[in-house]
Amino acid sequence: MKLASVGIRRATLADASDLERVAGTAGSVLISADIRSWLKRPGIFSYLAEDSQPFGFVTVGPPDDELFEKGTGEVLGLCVEQQY
């Protein structure tokens, strides 16, 4: 699919339903509770990719596992609709 332009911006809680839709159409196992929790927690950042509507997102934050070194981060969720 050829896109004229794509915007990437920080997602907010108001974008939760769009992120849930993208996760669902991308075949993700992410659940609504995960997505909404991430959007509310400090230190976790979600970025939304959109053209005429949102089609993908990535969520990053501190790792939940103590095996990671201090100061590192983790990709918590990554979803892109298949046609993109």
C-alpha atoms as a PDB file:
ATOM      1  CA  MET A   1       0.000   0.000   0.000  1.00  0.00           C
ATOM      2  CA  LYS A   2       1.476   3.357  -1.042  1.00  0.00           C
ATOM      3  CA  LEU A   3       0.839   6.182   1.407  1.00  0.00           C
ATOM      4  CA  ALA A   4       1.064   9.880   0.610  1.00  0.00           C
ATOM      5  CA  SER A   5       2.000  10.731   4.176  1.00  0.00           C
ATOM      6  CA  VAL A   6       1.969   9.146   7.593  1.00  0.00           C
ATOM      7  CA  GLY A   7       1.715  10.873  10.938  1.00  0.00           C
ATOM      8  CA  ILE A   8       3.236   9.532  14.132  1.00  0.00           C
ATOM      9  CA  ARG A   9       2.165  11.032  17.426  1.00  0.00           C
ATOM     10  CA  ARG A  10       1.966  10.211  21.092  1.00  0.00           C
ATOM     11  CA  ALA A  11      -1.216   8.308  21.901  1.00  0.00           C
ATOM     12  CA  THR A  12      -3.461   9.417  24.749  1.00  0.00           C
ATOM     13  CA  LEU A  13      -6.234   7.702  26.674  1.00  0.00           C
ATOM     14  CA  ALA A  14      -8.667   9.193  24.142  1.00  0.00           C
ATOM     15  CA  ASP A  15      -6.971   6.962  21.517  1.00  0.00           C
ATOM     16  CA  ALA A  16      -7.578   3.731  23.471  1.00  0.00           C
ATOM     17  CA  SER A  17     -10.417   2.492  21.257  1.00  0.00           C
ATOM     18  CA  ASP A  18      -8.308   3.092  18.115  1.00  0.00           C
ATOM     19  CA  LEU A  19      -5.388   1.157  19.622  1.00  0.00           C
ATOM     20  CA  GLU A  20      -7.752  -1.670  20.602  1.00  0.00           C
ATOM     21  CA  ARG A  21      -9.156  -1.774  17.049  1.00  0.00           C
ATOM     22  CA  VAL A  22      -5.648  -1.890  15.551  1.00  0.00           C
ATOM     23  CA  ALA A  23      -4.623  -4.670  17.948  1.00  0.00           C
ATOM     24  CA  GLY A  24      -7.741  -6.642  17.011  1.00  0.00           C
ATOM     25  CA  THR A  25      -7.312  -6.287  13.244  1.00  0.00           C
ATOM     26  CA  ALA A  26      -3.576  -7.023  13.537  1.00  0.00           C
ATOM     27  CA  GLY A  27      -4.379 -10.366  15.198  1.00  0.00           C
ATOM     28  CA  SER A  28      -2.687  -9.350  18.437  1.00  0.00           C
ATOM     29  CA  VAL A  29      -3.215 -11.061  21.769  1.00  0.00           C
ATOM     30  CA  LEU A  30      -3.135  -7.696  23.557  1.00  0.00           C
ATOM     31  CA  ILE A  31      -6.259  -7.050  25.542  1.00  0.00           C
ATOM     32  CA  SER A  32      -8.090  -3.827  26.239  1.00  0.00           C
ATOM     33  CA  ALA A  33      -6.975  -3.819  29.885  1.00  0.00           C
ATOM     34  CA  ASP A  34      -3.288  -3.896  28.832  1.00  0.00           C
ATOM     35  CA  ILE A  35      -3.685  -1.018  26.397  1.00  0.00           C
ATOM     36  CA  ARG A  36      -5.682   1.186  28.762  1.00  0.00           C
ATOM     37  CA  SER A  37      -3.287   0.437  31.631  1.00  0.00           C
ATOM     38  CA  TRP A  38      -0.292   1.454  29.517  1.00  0.00           C
ATOM     39  CA  LEU A  39      -1.929   4.736  28.519  1.00  0.00           C
ATOM     40  CA  LYS A  40      -2.479   5.602  32.195  1.00  0.00           C
ATOM     41  CA  ARG A  41       0.922   4.611  33.630  1.00  0.00           C
ATOM     42  CA  PRO A  42       3.734   7.139  33.943  1.00  0.00           C
ATOM     43  CA  GLY A  43       6.941   6.141  32.181  1.00  0.00           C
ATOM     44  CA  ILE A  44       5.145   4.133  29.495  1.00  0.00           C
ATOM     45  CA  PHE A  45       4.769   5.741  26.089  1.00  0.00           C
ATOM     46  CA  SER A  46       2.564   4.737  23.160  1.00  0.00           C
ATOM     47  CA  TYR A  47       3.027   6.173  19.685  1.00  0.00           C
ATOM     48  CA  LEU A  48       0.318   5.935  17.053  1.00  0.00           C
ATOM     49  CA  ALA A  49       0.875   5.770  13.282  1.00  0.00           C
ATOM     50  CA  GLU A  50      -1.960   7.123  11.157  1.00  0.00           C
ATOM     51  CA  ASP A  51      -2.862   8.243   7.673  1.00  0.00           C
ATOM     52  CA  SER A  52      -6.599   8.875   7.323  1.00  0.00           C
ATOM     53  CA  GLN A  53      -7.032   6.724  10.448  1.00  0.00           C
ATOM     54  CA  PRO A  54      -4.755   4.962  12.943  1.00  0.00           C
ATOM     55  CA  PHE A  55      -3.158   1.781  11.556  1.00  0.00           C
ATOM     56  CA  GLY A  56      -0.345   0.923  13.964  1.00  0.00           C
ATOM     57  CA  PHE A  57       1.231   1.610  17.319  1.00  0.00           C
ATOM     58  CA  VAL A  58       4.209   0.839  19.494  1.00  0.00           C
ATOM     59  CA  THR A  59       4.287   0.991  23.291  1.00  0.00           C
ATOM     60  CA  VAL A  60       7.562   1.209  25.188  1.00  0.00           C
ATOM     61  CA  GLY A  61       8.511   1.466  28.835  1.00  0.00           C
ATOM     62  CA  PRO A  62      10.637   0.094  31.626  1.00  0.00           C
ATOM     63  CA  PRO A  63      10.992  -3.688  31.585  1.00  0.00           C
ATOM     64  CA  ASP A  64       8.876  -5.783  33.928  1.00  0.00           C
ATOM     65  CA  ASP A  65      11.714  -8.288  34.297  1.00  0.00           C
ATOM     66  CA  GLU A  66      14.599  -7.686  36.697  1.00  0.00           C
ATOM     67  CA  LEU A  67      16.993  -9.412  34.273  1.00  0.00           C
ATOM     68  CA  PHE A  68      17.318  -6.150  32.317  1.00  0.00           C
ATOM     69  CA  GLU A  69      19.965  -3.609  33.283  1.00  0.00           C
ATOM     70  CA  LYS A  70      18.825  -0.459  35.033  1.00  0.00           C
ATOM     71  CA  GLY A  71      17.970   2.316  32.585  1.00  0.00           C
ATOM     72  CA  THR A  72      17.003   0.003  29.734  1.00  0.00           C
ATOM     73  CA  GLY A  73      13.605  -0.122  28.117  1.00  0.00           C
ATOM     74  CA  GLU A  74      11.361  -2.721  26.563  1.00  0.00           C
ATOM     75  CA  VAL A  75       8.906  -2.811  23.677  1.00  0.00           C
ATOM     76  CA  LEU A  76       5.705  -3.791  25.459  1.00  0.00           C
ATOM     77  CA  GLY A  77       3.440  -3.870  22.420  1.00  0.00           C
ATOM     78  CA  LEU A  78       3.770  -3.451  18.661  1.00  0.00           C
ATOM     79  CA  CYS A  79       0.847  -3.765  16.251  1.00  0.00           C
ATOM     80  CA  VAL A  80       0.423  -2.838  12.589  1.00  0.00           C
ATOM     81  CA  GLU A  81      -2.632  -3.652  10.499  1.00  0.00           C
ATOM     82  CA  GLN A  82      -1.758  -6.295   7.909  1.00  0.00           C
ATOM     83  CA  GLN A  83      -2.497  -4.178   4.819  1.00  0.00           C
ATOM     84  CA  TYR A  84       0.193  -1.694   5.900  1.00  0.00           C
END
